[in-house]
C-alpha atoms as a PDB file:
ATOM      1  CA  MET A   1       5.541 -12.050  18.616  1.00  0.00           C
ATOM      2  CA  VAL A   2       7.628 -15.110  17.865  1.00  0.00           C
ATOM      3  CA  PHE A   3      10.330 -13.950  20.254  1.00  0.00           C
ATOM      4  CA  ALA A   4       7.756 -13.292  22.979  1.00  0.00           C
ATOM      5  CA  THR A   5       6.279 -16.769  22.541  1.00  0.00           C
ATOM      6  CA  ASN A   6       9.756 -18.246  22.574  1.00  0.00           C
ATOM      7  CA  ALA A   7      10.598 -16.411  25.790  1.00  0.00           C
ATOM      8  CA  LEU A   8       7.323 -17.485  27.405  1.00  0.00           C
ATOM      9  CA  PHE A   9       7.900 -21.178  26.678  1.00  0.00           C
ATOM     10  CA  ALA A  10      11.536 -20.945  27.777  1.00  0.00           C
ATOM     11  CA  GLY A  11      10.592 -19.340  31.083  1.00  0.00           C
ATOM     12  CA  VAL A  12      12.419 -16.082  30.415  1.00  0.00           C
ATOM     13  CA  ASN A  13       9.473 -13.805  31.086  1.00  0.00           C
ATOM     14  CA  LYS A  14      10.201 -13.100  34.802  1.00  0.00           C
ATOM     15  CA  THR A  15      13.797 -14.190  35.229  1.00  0.00           C
ATOM     16  CA  THR A  16      17.203 -12.747  34.512  1.00  0.00           C
ATOM     17  CA  ALA A  17      19.916 -14.391  32.450  1.00  0.00           C
ATOM     18  CA  ALA A  18      21.553 -15.681  35.634  1.00  0.00           C
ATOM     19  CA  ASP A  19      18.330 -17.453  36.672  1.00  0.00           C
ATOM     20  CA  MET A  20      17.994 -19.456  33.456  1.00  0.00           C
ATOM     21  CA  THR A  21      18.534 -23.194  33.771  1.00  0.00           C
ATOM     22  CA  GLN A  22      19.976 -25.430  31.086  1.00  0.00           C
ATOM     23  CA  ALA A  23      16.446 -26.602  30.271  1.00  0.00           C
ATOM     24  CA  ASN A  24      15.345 -22.986  29.708  1.00  0.00           C
ATOM     25  CA  ILE A  25      18.334 -22.349  27.445  1.00  0.00           C
ATOM     26  CA  THR A  26      17.686 -25.535  25.471  1.00  0.00           C
ATOM     27  CA  THR A  27      14.008 -24.612  25.024  1.00  0.00           C
ATOM     28  CA  PHE A  28      14.962 -21.106  23.918  1.00  0.00           C
ATOM     29  CA  GLU A  29      17.475 -22.448  21.387  1.00  0.00           C
ATOM     30  CA  GLY A  30      14.915 -24.934  20.111  1.00  0.00           C
ATOM     31  CA  PHE A  31      12.338 -22.262  19.416  1.00  0.00           C
ATOM     32  CA  ALA A  32      14.856 -19.736  18.097  1.00  0.00           C
ATOM     33  CA  PHE A  33      16.834 -22.023  15.774  1.00  0.00           C
ATOM     34  CA  TRP A  34      15.478 -25.521  15.310  1.00  0.00           C
ATOM     35  CA  MET A  35      11.772 -24.696  14.834  1.00  0.00           C
ATOM     36  CA  PRO A  36      12.387 -22.148  12.042  1.00  0.00           C
ATOM     37  CA  LEU A  37      14.822 -24.553  10.398  1.00  0.00           C
ATOM     38  CA  ALA A  38      12.184 -27.297  10.500  1.00  0.00           C
ATOM     39  CA  PHE A  39       9.585 -24.977   8.918  1.00  0.00           C
ATOM     40  CA  ILE A  40      12.051 -23.967   6.183  1.00  0.00           C
ATOM     41  CA  ILE A  41      12.701 -27.622   5.367  1.00  0.00           C
ATOM     42  CA  ILE A  42       8.964 -28.438   5.389  1.00  0.00           C
ATOM     43  CA  GLY A  43       8.307 -25.476   3.078  1.00  0.00           C
ATOM     44  CA  PHE A  44      11.054 -26.605   0.724  1.00  0.00           C
ATOM     45  CA  LEU A  45       9.663 -30.140   0.593  1.00  0.00           C
ATOM     46  CA  ILE A  46       6.141 -28.881  -0.106  1.00  0.00           C
ATOM     47  CA  PHE A  47       7.467 -26.666  -2.891  1.00  0.00           C
ATOM     48  CA  ALA A  48       9.635 -29.451  -4.349  1.00  0.00           C
ATOM     49  CA  PHE A  49       6.916 -32.100  -4.421  1.00  0.00           C
ATOM     50  CA  PHE A  50       3.690 -30.163  -4.978  1.00  0.00           C
ATOM     51  CA  VAL A  51       4.544 -27.098  -7.085  1.00  0.00           C
ATOM     52  CA  LYS A  52       4.881 -28.153 -10.693  1.00  0.00           C
ATOM     53  CA  ILE A  53       5.027 -25.683 -13.557  1.00  0.00           C
ATOM     54  CA  ASP A  54       4.524 -27.340 -16.922  1.00  0.00           C
ATOM     55  CA  GLU A  55       4.432 -25.755 -20.386  1.00  0.00           C
ATOM     56  CA  LYS A  56       0.730 -24.859 -20.146  1.00  0.00           C
ATOM     57  CA  ALA A  57       1.115 -23.204 -16.738  1.00  0.00           C
ATOM     58  CA  HIS A  58       4.182 -21.300 -17.942  1.00  0.00           C
ATOM     59  CA  ALA A  59       2.356 -20.046 -21.026  1.00  0.00           C
ATOM     60  CA  ARG A  60      -0.614 -18.967 -18.915  1.00  0.00           C
ATOM     61  CA  ILE A  61       1.650 -17.059 -16.493  1.00  0.00           C
ATOM     62  CA  VAL A  62       3.539 -15.336 -19.317  1.00  0.00           C
ATOM     63  CA  ALA A  63       0.291 -14.341 -21.052  1.00  0.00           C
ATOM     64  CA  LYS A  64      -1.069 -12.861 -17.827  1.00  0.00           C
ATOM     65  CA  ILE A  65       2.127 -10.881 -17.208  1.00  0.00           C
ATOM     66  CA  GLU A  66       2.147  -9.561 -20.766  1.00  0.00           C
ATOM     67  CA  ALA A  67      -1.510  -8.542 -20.469  1.00  0.00           C
ATOM     68  CA  ASN A  68      -0.700  -6.657 -17.246  1.00  0.00           C
ATOM     69  CA  LEU A  69       2.295  -4.934 -18.852  1.00  0.00           C
ATOM     70  CA  HIS A  70       0.267  -3.745 -21.832  1.00  0.00           C
ATOM     71  CA  GLY A  71      -2.609  -2.519 -19.660  1.00  0.00           C
ATOM     72  CA  GLU A  72      -5.138  -4.972 -21.067  1.00  0.00           C
ATOM     73  CA  SER A  73      -6.325  -6.314 -17.737  1.00  0.00           C
ATOM     74  CA  ASP A  74      -8.690  -4.941 -15.126  1.00  0.00           C
ATOM     75  CA  ALA A  75      -5.898  -5.048 -12.546  1.00  0.00           C
ATOM     76  CA  ALA A  76      -3.725  -2.747 -14.656  1.00  0.00           C
ATOM     77  CA  LYS A  77      -6.574  -0.242 -15.078  1.00  0.00           C
ATOM     78  CA  TYR A  78      -7.284  -0.376 -11.359  1.00  0.00           C
ATOM     79  CA  GLY A  79      -3.590   0.241 -10.632  1.00  0.00           C
ATOM     80  CA  GLU A  80      -3.604   3.310 -12.891  1.00  0.00           C
ATOM     81  CA  ASP A  81      -6.596   4.713 -10.985  1.00  0.00           C
ATOM     82  CA  ILE A  82      -4.814   4.199  -7.672  1.00  0.00           C
ATOM     83  CA  ALA A  83      -1.654   5.890  -8.963  1.00  0.00           C
ATOM     84  CA  LYS A  84      -3.627   8.882 -10.281  1.00  0.00           C
ATOM     85  CA  ALA A  85      -5.484   9.245  -6.966  1.00  0.00           C
ATOM     86  CA  ALA A  86      -2.230   9.044  -5.010  1.00  0.00           C
ATOM     87  CA  LEU A  87      -0.591  11.689  -7.202  1.00  0.00           C
ATOM     88  CA  LEU A  88      -3.591  14.002  -6.977  1.00  0.00           C
ATOM     89  CA  ASP A  89      -3.694  13.675  -3.177  1.00  0.00           C
ATOM     90  CA  LYS A  90       0.008  14.500  -2.944  1.00  0.00           C
ATOM     91  CA  GLU A  91      -0.417  17.563  -5.153  1.00  0.00           C
ATOM     92  CA  SER A  92      -3.386  18.847  -3.163  1.00  0.00           C
ATOM     93  CA  ALA A  93      -1.535  18.284   0.134  1.00  0.00           C
ATOM     94  CA  ALA A  94       1.465  20.270  -1.127  1.00  0.00           C
ATOM     95  CA  ARG A  95      -0.661  23.345  -1.824  1.00  0.00           C
END
């Protein structure tokens, strides 16, 4: 989808490579290289300035992971049910 949008804005949709002008090539390069690079940098800056993990958040994350590993959470029980259903369906399909 991204490539199709890129091609549409660059005017590549009904032309051949020989018909492309320098403006079309520059637009194509901008969408194919510079736009993703800009979004990567924006994402990095958002992560660097707005995502903070302090001691409390770390402890909360570790406790949640340990609860999931020991099967003490609803998500772990739900996952076991899904795994059992998937295994039973595979066994019945093999017969």
